[in-house]
Amino acid sequence: MVFRTLTALLSLVAVLSALPGAEAQRPDKVPRIGYLVLSPLADPPSAERAAFLDGLRELGYVVGHNVSIEYRSAAWNRELLPELAAELST
């Protein structure tokens, strides 16, 4: 539970830090958000990911239209997290 809350908070921080820079970008460039989780990604989205996507929509962001999200999951393998984070930062 604590890890899920931390993951959701980190996701929100990632969004908030990405969005102000989006305003300064060229209009033809879509902001990109990296979403990294330890747990496997599932469809339908987890409650945390659904809240994250709802928050984006409330701010006027539509995935695939004016924002893109790159998902990475470590599938419970903590050792993969640094590699996946580095992958998202490029």
PDB file of N, CA and C in Angstrom:
ATOM      1  N   MET A   1       0.818  -1.197   0.000  1.00  0.00           N
ATOM      2  CA  MET A   1       0.000   0.000   0.000  1.00  0.00           C
ATOM      3  C   MET A   1       0.859   1.258   0.000  1.00  0.00           C
ATOM      4  N   VAL A   2       1.871   1.281   0.856  1.00  0.00           N
ATOM      5  CA  VAL A   2       2.755   2.443   0.915  1.00  0.00           C
ATOM      6  C   VAL A   2       3.471   2.611  -0.418  1.00  0.00           C
ATOM      7  N   PHE A   3       3.917   1.493  -1.008  1.00  0.00           N
ATOM      8  CA  PHE A   3       4.626   1.591  -2.284  1.00  0.00           C
ATOM      9  C   PHE A   3       3.708   2.116  -3.378  1.00  0.00           C
ATOM     10  N   ARG A   4       2.454   1.674  -3.390  1.00  0.00           N
ATOM     11  CA  ARG A   4       1.511   2.160  -4.403  1.00  0.00           C
ATOM     12  C   ARG A   4       1.280   3.655  -4.259  1.00  0.00           C
ATOM     13  N   THR A   5       1.139   4.113  -3.004  1.00  0.00           N
ATOM     14  CA  THR A   5       0.952   5.538  -2.764  1.00  0.00           C
ATOM     15  C   THR A   5       2.174   6.306  -3.220  1.00  0.00           C
ATOM     16  N   LEU A   6       3.351   5.798  -2.896  1.00  0.00           N
ATOM     17  CA  LEU A   6       4.589   6.446  -3.322  1.00  0.00           C
ATOM     18  C   LEU A   6       4.687   6.476  -4.841  1.00  0.00           C
ATOM     19  N   THR A   7       4.317   5.387  -5.495  1.00  0.00           N
ATOM     20  CA  THR A   7       4.345   5.331  -6.954  1.00  0.00           C
ATOM     21  C   THR A   7       3.404   6.371  -7.547  1.00  0.00           C
ATOM     22  N   ALA A   8       2.209   6.485  -6.984  1.00  0.00           N
ATOM     23  CA  ALA A   8       1.244   7.464  -7.482  1.00  0.00           C
ATOM     24  C   ALA A   8       1.774   8.879  -7.279  1.00  0.00           C
ATOM     25  N   LEU A   9       2.382   9.141  -6.131  1.00  0.00           N
ATOM     26  CA  LEU A   9       2.933  10.471  -5.875  1.00  0.00           C
ATOM     27  C   LEU A   9       4.088  10.789  -6.811  1.00  0.00           C
ATOM     28  N   LEU A  10       4.961   9.811  -7.040  1.00  0.00           N
ATOM     29  CA  LEU A  10       6.070  10.029  -7.961  1.00  0.00           C
ATOM     30  C   LEU A  10       5.562  10.278  -9.378  1.00  0.00           C
ATOM     31  N   SER A  11       4.506   9.585  -9.744  1.00  0.00           N
ATOM     32  CA  SER A  11       3.912   9.794 -11.059  1.00  0.00           C
ATOM     33  C   SER A  11       3.380  11.207 -11.181  1.00  0.00           C
ATOM     34  N   LEU A  12       2.714  11.679 -10.132  1.00  0.00           N
ATOM     35  CA  LEU A  12       2.180  13.035 -10.151  1.00  0.00           C
ATOM     36  C   LEU A  12       3.306  14.052 -10.232  1.00  0.00           C
ATOM     37  N   VAL A  13       4.382  13.830  -9.485  1.00  0.00           N
ATOM     38  CA  VAL A  13       5.537  14.724  -9.537  1.00  0.00           C
ATOM     39  C   VAL A  13       6.117  14.752 -10.949  1.00  0.00           C
ATOM     40  N   ALA A  14       6.195  13.597 -11.583  1.00  0.00           N
ATOM     41  CA  ALA A  14       6.720  13.530 -12.947  1.00  0.00           C
ATOM     42  C   ALA A  14       5.856  14.346 -13.890  1.00  0.00           C
ATOM     43  N   VAL A  15       4.550  14.262 -13.722  1.00  0.00           N
ATOM     44  CA  VAL A  15       3.635  15.021 -14.576  1.00  0.00           C
ATOM     45  C   VAL A  15       3.797  16.509 -14.327  1.00  0.00           C
ATOM     46  N   LEU A  16       3.788  16.893 -13.074  1.00  0.00           N
ATOM     47  CA  LEU A  16       3.876  18.312 -12.756  1.00  0.00           C
ATOM     48  C   LEU A  16       5.199  18.915 -13.213  1.00  0.00           C
ATOM     49  N   SER A  17       6.269  18.147 -13.128  1.00  0.00           N
ATOM     50  CA  SER A  17       7.549  18.676 -13.572  1.00  0.00           C
ATOM     51  C   SER A  17       7.643  18.708 -15.092  1.00  0.00           C
ATOM     52  N   ALA A  18       6.915  17.848 -15.757  1.00  0.00           N
ATOM     53  CA  ALA A  18       6.956  17.814 -17.217  1.00  0.00           C
ATOM     54  C   ALA A  18       6.075  18.886 -17.840  1.00  0.00           C
ATOM     55  N   LEU A  19       4.971  19.209 -17.215  1.00  0.00           N
ATOM     56  CA  LEU A  19       4.002  20.104 -17.836  1.00  0.00           C
ATOM     57  C   LEU A  19       4.469  21.545 -17.984  1.00  0.00           C
ATOM     58  N   PRO A  20       5.117  22.179 -16.995  1.00  0.00           N
ATOM     59  CA  PRO A  20       5.539  23.561 -17.219  1.00  0.00           C
ATOM     60  C   PRO A  20       6.484  23.705 -18.410  1.00  0.00           C
ATOM     61  N   GLY A  21       7.368  22.742 -18.596  1.00  0.00           N
ATOM     62  CA  GLY A  21       8.269  22.775 -19.737  1.00  0.00           C
ATOM     63  C   GLY A  21       7.542  22.598 -21.052  1.00  0.00           C
ATOM     64  N   ALA A  22       6.394  21.976 -20.993  1.00  0.00           N
ATOM     65  CA  ALA A  22       5.623  21.742 -22.216  1.00  0.00           C
ATOM     66  C   ALA A  22       5.169  23.054 -22.823  1.00  0.00           C
ATOM     67  N   GLU A  23       4.881  24.058 -21.994  1.00  0.00           N
ATOM     68  CA  GLU A  23       4.426  25.343 -22.509  1.00  0.00           C
ATOM     69  C   GLU A  23       5.521  26.038 -23.323  1.00  0.00           C
ATOM     70  N   ALA A  24       6.774  25.800 -22.955  1.00  0.00           N
ATOM     71  CA  ALA A  24       7.886  26.457 -23.636  1.00  0.00           C
ATOM     72  C   ALA A  24       8.317  25.720 -24.895  1.00  0.00           C
ATOM     73  N   GLN A  25       7.777  24.545 -25.126  1.00  0.00           N
ATOM     74  CA  GLN A  25       8.167  23.766 -26.283  1.00  0.00           C
ATOM     75  C   GLN A  25       7.503  24.314 -27.539  1.00  0.00           C
ATOM     76  N   ARG A  26       8.081  23.952 -28.662  1.00  0.00           N
ATOM     77  CA  ARG A  26       7.475  24.317 -29.940  1.00  0.00           C
ATOM     78  C   ARG A  26       6.099  23.688 -30.040  1.00  0.00           C
ATOM     79  N   PRO A  27       5.166  24.350 -30.728  1.00  0.00           N
ATOM     80  CA  PRO A  27       3.812  23.813 -30.833  1.00  0.00           C
ATOM     81  C   PRO A  27       3.748  22.430 -31.482  1.00  0.00           C
ATOM     82  N   ASP A  28       4.708  22.114 -32.360  1.00  0.00           N
ATOM     83  CA  ASP A  28       4.658  20.823 -33.038  1.00  0.00           C
ATOM     84  C   ASP A  28       5.263  19.693 -32.197  1.00  0.00           C
ATOM     85  N   LYS A  29       5.762  20.015 -31.017  1.00  0.00           N
ATOM     86  CA  LYS A  29       6.341  19.006 -30.138  1.00  0.00           C
ATOM     87  C   LYS A  29       5.380  18.661 -29.016  1.00  0.00           C
ATOM     88  N   VAL A  30       5.083  17.385 -28.880  1.00  0.00           N
ATOM     89  CA  VAL A  30       4.158  16.910 -27.854  1.00  0.00           C
ATOM     90  C   VAL A  30       4.957  16.559 -26.603  1.00  0.00           C
ATOM     91  N   PRO A  31       4.537  17.038 -25.426  1.00  0.00           N
ATOM     92  CA  PRO A  31       5.244  16.655 -24.200  1.00  0.00           C
ATOM     93  C   PRO A  31       5.209  15.146 -23.997  1.00  0.00           C
ATOM     94  N   ARG A  32       6.287  14.616 -23.446  1.00  0.00           N
ATOM     95  CA  ARG A  32       6.412  13.179 -23.210  1.00  0.00           C
ATOM     96  C   ARG A  32       6.579  12.949 -21.720  1.00  0.00           C
ATOM     97  N   ILE A  33       5.779  12.049 -21.171  1.00  0.00           N
ATOM     98  CA  ILE A  33       5.844  11.705 -19.755  1.00  0.00           C
ATOM     99  C   ILE A  33       6.307  10.262 -19.634  1.00  0.00           C
ATOM    100  N   GLY A  34       7.295  10.035 -18.797  1.00  0.00           N
ATOM    101  CA  GLY A  34       7.739   8.680 -18.499  1.00  0.00           C
ATOM    102  C   GLY A  34       6.998   8.165 -17.278  1.00  0.00           C
ATOM    103  N   TYR A  35       6.429   6.993 -17.368  1.00  0.00           N
ATOM    104  CA  TYR A  35       5.656   6.400 -16.276  1.00  0.00           C
ATOM    105  C   TYR A  35       6.303   5.067 -15.937  1.00  0.00           C
ATOM    106  N   LEU A  36       6.971   5.020 -14.802  1.00  0.00           N
ATOM    107  CA  LEU A  36       7.739   3.846 -14.390  1.00  0.00           C
ATOM    108  C   LEU A  36       7.134   3.257 -13.120  1.00  0.00           C
ATOM    109  N   VAL A  37       6.838   1.975 -13.158  1.00  0.00           N
ATOM    110  CA  VAL A  37       6.277   1.299 -11.989  1.00  0.00           C
ATOM    111  C   VAL A  37       6.989  -0.021 -11.746  1.00  0.00           C
ATOM    112  N   LEU A  38       6.953  -0.439 -10.505  1.00  0.00           N
ATOM    113  CA  LEU A  38       7.529  -1.731 -10.147  1.00  0.00           C
ATOM    114  C   LEU A  38       6.581  -2.866 -10.525  1.00  0.00           C
ATOM    115  N   SER A  39       5.295  -2.645 -10.332  1.00  0.00           N
ATOM    116  CA  SER A  39       4.303  -3.684 -10.621  1.00  0.00           C
ATOM    117  C   SER A  39       4.068  -3.806 -12.125  1.00  0.00           C
ATOM    118  N   PRO A  40       3.544  -4.945 -12.559  1.00  0.00           N
ATOM    119  CA  PRO A  40       3.213  -5.090 -13.977  1.00  0.00           C
ATOM    120  C   PRO A  40       2.085  -4.141 -14.381  1.00  0.00           C
ATOM    121  N   LEU A  41       2.131  -3.647 -15.596  1.00  0.00           N
ATOM    122  CA  LEU A  41       1.039  -2.819 -16.108  1.00  0.00           C
ATOM    123  C   LEU A  41      -0.117  -3.725 -16.487  1.00  0.00           C
ATOM    124  N   ALA A  42      -1.317  -3.268 -16.232  1.00  0.00           N
ATOM    125  CA  ALA A  42      -2.488  -4.096 -16.509  1.00  0.00           C
ATOM    126  C   ALA A  42      -3.554  -3.273 -17.213  1.00  0.00           C
ATOM    127  N   ASP A  43      -4.389  -3.953 -17.960  1.00  0.00           N
ATOM    128  CA  ASP A  43      -5.575  -3.346 -18.550  1.00  0.00           C
ATOM    129  C   ASP A  43      -6.770  -4.066 -17.977  1.00  0.00           C
ATOM    130  N   PRO A  44      -7.734  -3.408 -17.445  1.00  0.00           N
ATOM    131  CA  PRO A  44      -7.811  -1.965 -17.316  1.00  0.00           C
ATOM    132  C   PRO A  44      -6.746  -1.449 -16.348  1.00  0.00           C
ATOM    133  N   PRO A  45      -6.457  -0.139 -16.406  1.00  0.00           N
ATOM    134  CA  PRO A  45      -5.408   0.421 -15.555  1.00  0.00           C
ATOM    135  C   PRO A  45      -5.716   0.245 -14.064  1.00  0.00           C
ATOM    136  N   SER A  46      -4.644   0.205 -13.280  1.00  0.00           N
ATOM    137  CA  SER A  46      -4.796   0.173 -11.821  1.00  0.00           C
ATOM    138  C   SER A  46      -5.489   1.462 -11.383  1.00  0.00           C
ATOM    139  N   ALA A  47      -5.951   1.479 -10.144  1.00  0.00           N
ATOM    140  CA  ALA A  47      -6.615   2.676  -9.616  1.00  0.00           C
ATOM    141  C   ALA A  47      -5.673   3.881  -9.664  1.00  0.00           C
ATOM    142  N   GLU A  48      -4.399   3.658  -9.361  1.00  0.00           N
ATOM    143  CA  GLU A  48      -3.429   4.758  -9.375  1.00  0.00           C
ATOM    144  C   GLU A  48      -3.222   5.298 -10.795  1.00  0.00           C
ATOM    145  N   ARG A  49      -3.059   4.396 -11.746  1.00  0.00           N
ATOM    146  CA  ARG A  49      -2.844   4.840 -13.128  1.00  0.00           C
ATOM    147  C   ARG A  49      -4.104   5.503 -13.683  1.00  0.00           C
ATOM    148  N   ALA A  50      -5.271   4.986 -13.330  1.00  0.00           N
ATOM    149  CA  ALA A  50      -6.523   5.600 -13.771  1.00  0.00           C
ATOM    150  C   ALA A  50      -6.642   7.018 -13.211  1.00  0.00           C
ATOM    151  N   ALA A  51      -6.275   7.204 -11.939  1.00  0.00           N
ATOM    152  CA  ALA A  51      -6.319   8.547 -11.336  1.00  0.00           C
ATOM    153  C   ALA A  51      -5.325   9.473 -12.020  1.00  0.00           C
ATOM    154  N   PHE A  52      -4.160   8.960 -12.347  1.00  0.00           N
ATOM    155  CA  PHE A  52      -3.142   9.724 -13.071  1.00  0.00           C
ATOM    156  C   PHE A  52      -3.683  10.189 -14.424  1.00  0.00           C
ATOM    157  N   LEU A  53      -4.293   9.282 -15.171  1.00  0.00           N
ATOM    158  CA  LEU A  53      -4.857   9.621 -16.483  1.00  0.00           C
ATOM    159  C   LEU A  53      -6.031  10.588 -16.356  1.00  0.00           C
ATOM    160  N   ASP A  54      -6.860  10.398 -15.322  1.00  0.00           N
ATOM    161  CA  ASP A  54      -7.973  11.327 -15.078  1.00  0.00           C
ATOM    162  C   ASP A  54      -7.448  12.725 -14.776  1.00  0.00           C
ATOM    163  N   GLY A  55      -6.387  12.796 -13.979  1.00  0.00           N
ATOM    164  CA  GLY A  55      -5.778  14.089 -13.659  1.00  0.00           C
ATOM    165  C   GLY A  55      -5.254  14.792 -14.894  1.00  0.00           C
ATOM    166  N   LEU A  56      -4.636  14.041 -15.785  1.00  0.00           N
ATOM    167  CA  LEU A  56      -4.168  14.629 -17.045  1.00  0.00           C
ATOM    168  C   LEU A  56      -5.335  15.192 -17.844  1.00  0.00           C
ATOM    169  N   ARG A  57      -6.417  14.407 -17.943  1.00  0.00           N
ATOM    170  CA  ARG A  57      -7.595  14.857 -18.692  1.00  0.00           C
ATOM    171  C   ARG A  57      -8.182  16.131 -18.083  1.00  0.00           C
ATOM    172  N   GLU A  58      -8.223  16.193 -16.748  1.00  0.00           N
ATOM    173  CA  GLU A  58      -8.738  17.377 -16.071  1.00  0.00           C
ATOM    174  C   GLU A  58      -7.904  18.613 -16.385  1.00  0.00           C
ATOM    175  N   LEU A  59      -6.618  18.404 -16.650  1.00  0.00           N
ATOM    176  CA  LEU A  59      -5.734  19.512 -17.012  1.00  0.00           C
ATOM    177  C   LEU A  59      -5.759  19.821 -18.506  1.00  0.00           C
ATOM    178  N   GLY A  60      -6.564  19.079 -19.247  1.00  0.00           N
ATOM    179  CA  GLY A  60      -6.703  19.332 -20.681  1.00  0.00           C
ATOM    180  C   GLY A  60      -5.770  18.529 -21.561  1.00  0.00           C
ATOM    181  N   TYR A  61      -5.111  17.530 -20.993  1.00  0.00           N
ATOM    182  CA  TYR A  61      -4.193  16.721 -21.775  1.00  0.00           C
ATOM    183  C   TYR A  61      -4.877  15.443 -22.243  1.00  0.00           C
ATOM    184  N   VAL A  62      -4.737  15.155 -23.524  1.00  0.00           N
ATOM    185  CA  VAL A  62      -5.321  13.963 -24.129  1.00  0.00           C
ATOM    186  C   VAL A  62      -4.175  13.121 -24.678  1.00  0.00           C
ATOM    187  N   VAL A  63      -4.034  11.919 -24.128  1.00  0.00           N
ATOM    188  CA  VAL A  63      -2.947  11.033 -24.552  1.00  0.00           C
ATOM    189  C   VAL A  63      -3.089  10.742 -26.034  1.00  0.00           C
ATOM    190  N   GLY A  64      -1.987  10.906 -26.754  1.00  0.00           N
ATOM    191  CA  GLY A  64      -1.988  10.684 -28.196  1.00  0.00           C
ATOM    192  C   GLY A  64      -2.329  11.929 -28.996  1.00  0.00           C
ATOM    193  N   HIS A  65      -2.795  12.957 -28.305  1.00  0.00           N
ATOM    194  CA  HIS A  65      -3.150  14.203 -28.996  1.00  0.00           C
ATOM    195  C   HIS A  65      -2.190  15.329 -28.610  1.00  0.00           C
ATOM    196  N   ASN A  66      -2.158  15.682 -27.320  1.00  0.00           N
ATOM    197  CA  ASN A  66      -1.279  16.767 -26.897  1.00  0.00           C
ATOM    198  C   ASN A  66      -0.329  16.364 -25.770  1.00  0.00           C
ATOM    199  N   VAL A  67      -0.221  15.068 -25.530  1.00  0.00           N
ATOM    200  CA  VAL A  67       0.750  14.525 -24.584  1.00  0.00           C
ATOM    201  C   VAL A  67       0.951  13.046 -24.919  1.00  0.00           C
ATOM    202  N   SER A  68       2.161  12.558 -24.686  1.00  0.00           N
ATOM    203  CA  SER A  68       2.400  11.122 -24.869  1.00  0.00           C
ATOM    204  C   SER A  68       2.960  10.561 -23.567  1.00  0.00           C
ATOM    205  N   ILE A  69       2.652   9.309 -23.334  1.00  0.00           N
ATOM    206  CA  ILE A  69       3.136   8.630 -22.125  1.00  0.00           C
ATOM    207  C   ILE A  69       3.896   7.387 -22.559  1.00  0.00           C
ATOM    208  N   GLU A  70       5.100   7.258 -22.040  1.00  0.00           N
ATOM    209  CA  GLU A  70       5.886   6.050 -22.281  1.00  0.00           C
ATOM    210  C   GLU A  70       5.907   5.251 -20.987  1.00  0.00           C
ATOM    211  N   TYR A  71       5.328   4.072 -21.048  1.00  0.00           N
ATOM    212  CA  TYR A  71       5.215   3.213 -19.879  1.00  0.00           C
ATOM    213  C   TYR A  71       6.377   2.231 -19.814  1.00  0.00           C
ATOM    214  N   ARG A  72       6.850   2.014 -18.589  1.00  0.00           N
ATOM    215  CA  ARG A  72       7.840   0.980 -18.338  1.00  0.00           C
ATOM    216  C   ARG A  72       7.454   0.289 -17.031  1.00  0.00           C
ATOM    217  N   SER A  73       7.577  -1.027 -17.004  1.00  0.00           N
ATOM    218  CA  SER A  73       7.284  -1.807 -15.810  1.00  0.00           C
ATOM    219  C   SER A  73       8.459  -2.722 -15.519  1.00  0.00           C
ATOM    220  N   ALA A  74       8.836  -2.778 -14.255  1.00  0.00           N
ATOM    221  CA  ALA A  74       9.902  -3.679 -13.834  1.00  0.00           C
ATOM    222  C   ALA A  74       9.350  -5.068 -13.513  1.00  0.00           C
ATOM    223  N   ALA A  75       8.040  -5.233 -13.555  1.00  0.00           N
ATOM    224  CA  ALA A  75       7.394  -6.529 -13.296  1.00  0.00           C
ATOM    225  C   ALA A  75       7.924  -7.175 -12.021  1.00  0.00           C
ATOM    226  N   TRP A  76       7.952  -6.390 -10.952  1.00  0.00           N
ATOM    227  CA  TRP A  76       8.384  -6.797  -9.607  1.00  0.00           C
ATOM    228  C   TRP A  76       9.884  -7.047  -9.482  1.00  0.00           C
ATOM    229  N   ASN A  77      10.673  -6.736 -10.497  1.00  0.00           N
ATOM    230  CA  ASN A  77      12.130  -6.920 -10.435  1.00  0.00           C
ATOM    231  C   ASN A  77      12.773  -5.553 -10.171  1.00  0.00           C
ATOM    232  N   ARG A  78      13.033  -5.261  -8.903  1.00  0.00           N
ATOM    233  CA  ARG A  78      13.584  -3.959  -8.502  1.00  0.00           C
ATOM    234  C   ARG A  78      14.902  -3.641  -9.202  1.00  0.00           C
ATOM    235  N   GLU A  79      15.664  -4.660  -9.545  1.00  0.00           N
ATOM    236  CA  GLU A  79      16.958  -4.437 -10.179  1.00  0.00           C
ATOM    237  C   GLU A  79      16.821  -3.794 -11.562  1.00  0.00           C
ATOM    238  N   LEU A  80      15.663  -3.926 -12.181  1.00  0.00           N
ATOM    239  CA  LEU A  80      15.440  -3.328 -13.496  1.00  0.00           C
ATOM    240  C   LEU A  80      15.131  -1.837 -13.449  1.00  0.00           C
ATOM    241  N   LEU A  81      14.748  -1.326 -12.291  1.00  0.00           N
ATOM    242  CA  LEU A  81      14.296   0.060 -12.201  1.00  0.00           C
ATOM    243  C   LEU A  81      15.326   1.081 -12.710  1.00  0.00           C
ATOM    244  N   PRO A  82      16.614   0.998 -12.311  1.00  0.00           N
ATOM    245  CA  PRO A  82      17.567   1.987 -12.831  1.00  0.00           C
ATOM    246  C   PRO A  82      17.708   1.945 -14.359  1.00  0.00           C
ATOM    247  N   GLU A  83      17.726   0.761 -14.908  1.00  0.00           N
ATOM    248  CA  GLU A  83      17.853   0.621 -16.367  1.00  0.00           C
ATOM    249  C   GLU A  83      16.623   1.209 -17.074  1.00  0.00           C
ATOM    250  N   LEU A  84      15.445   0.921 -16.549  1.00  0.00           N
ATOM    251  CA  LEU A  84      14.217   1.443 -17.157  1.00  0.00           C
ATOM    252  C   LEU A  84      14.134   2.954 -17.013  1.00  0.00           C
ATOM    253  N   ALA A  85      14.568   3.483 -15.866  1.00  0.00           N
ATOM    254  CA  ALA A  85      14.567   4.931 -15.673  1.00  0.00           C
ATOM    255  C   ALA A  85      15.520   5.595 -16.655  1.00  0.00           C
ATOM    256  N   ALA A  86      16.676   5.004 -16.858  1.00  0.00           N
ATOM    257  CA  ALA A  86      17.643   5.550 -17.814  1.00  0.00           C
ATOM    258  C   ALA A  86      17.072   5.520 -19.227  1.00  0.00           C
ATOM    259  N   GLU A  87      16.349   4.455 -19.545  1.00  0.00           N
ATOM    260  CA  GLU A  87      15.721   4.327 -20.856  1.00  0.00           C
ATOM    261  C   GLU A  87      14.707   5.455 -21.089  1.00  0.00           C
ATOM    262  N   LEU A  88      13.967   5.792 -20.045  1.00  0.00           N
ATOM    263  CA  LEU A  88      12.967   6.849 -20.165  1.00  0.00           C
ATOM    264  C   LEU A  88      13.584   8.245 -20.240  1.00  0.00           C
ATOM    265  N   SER A  89      14.776   8.395 -19.712  1.00  0.00           N
ATOM    266  CA  SER A  89      15.393   9.722 -19.684  1.00  0.00           C
ATOM    267  C   SER A  89      16.060  10.099 -21.005  1.00  0.00           C
ATOM    268  N   THR A  90      16.104   9.172 -21.953  1.00  0.00           N
ATOM    269  CA  THR A  90      16.743   9.499 -23.234  1.00  0.00           C
ATOM    270  C   THR A  90      15.748   9.992 -24.244  1.00  0.00           C
TER     271      THR A  90
END
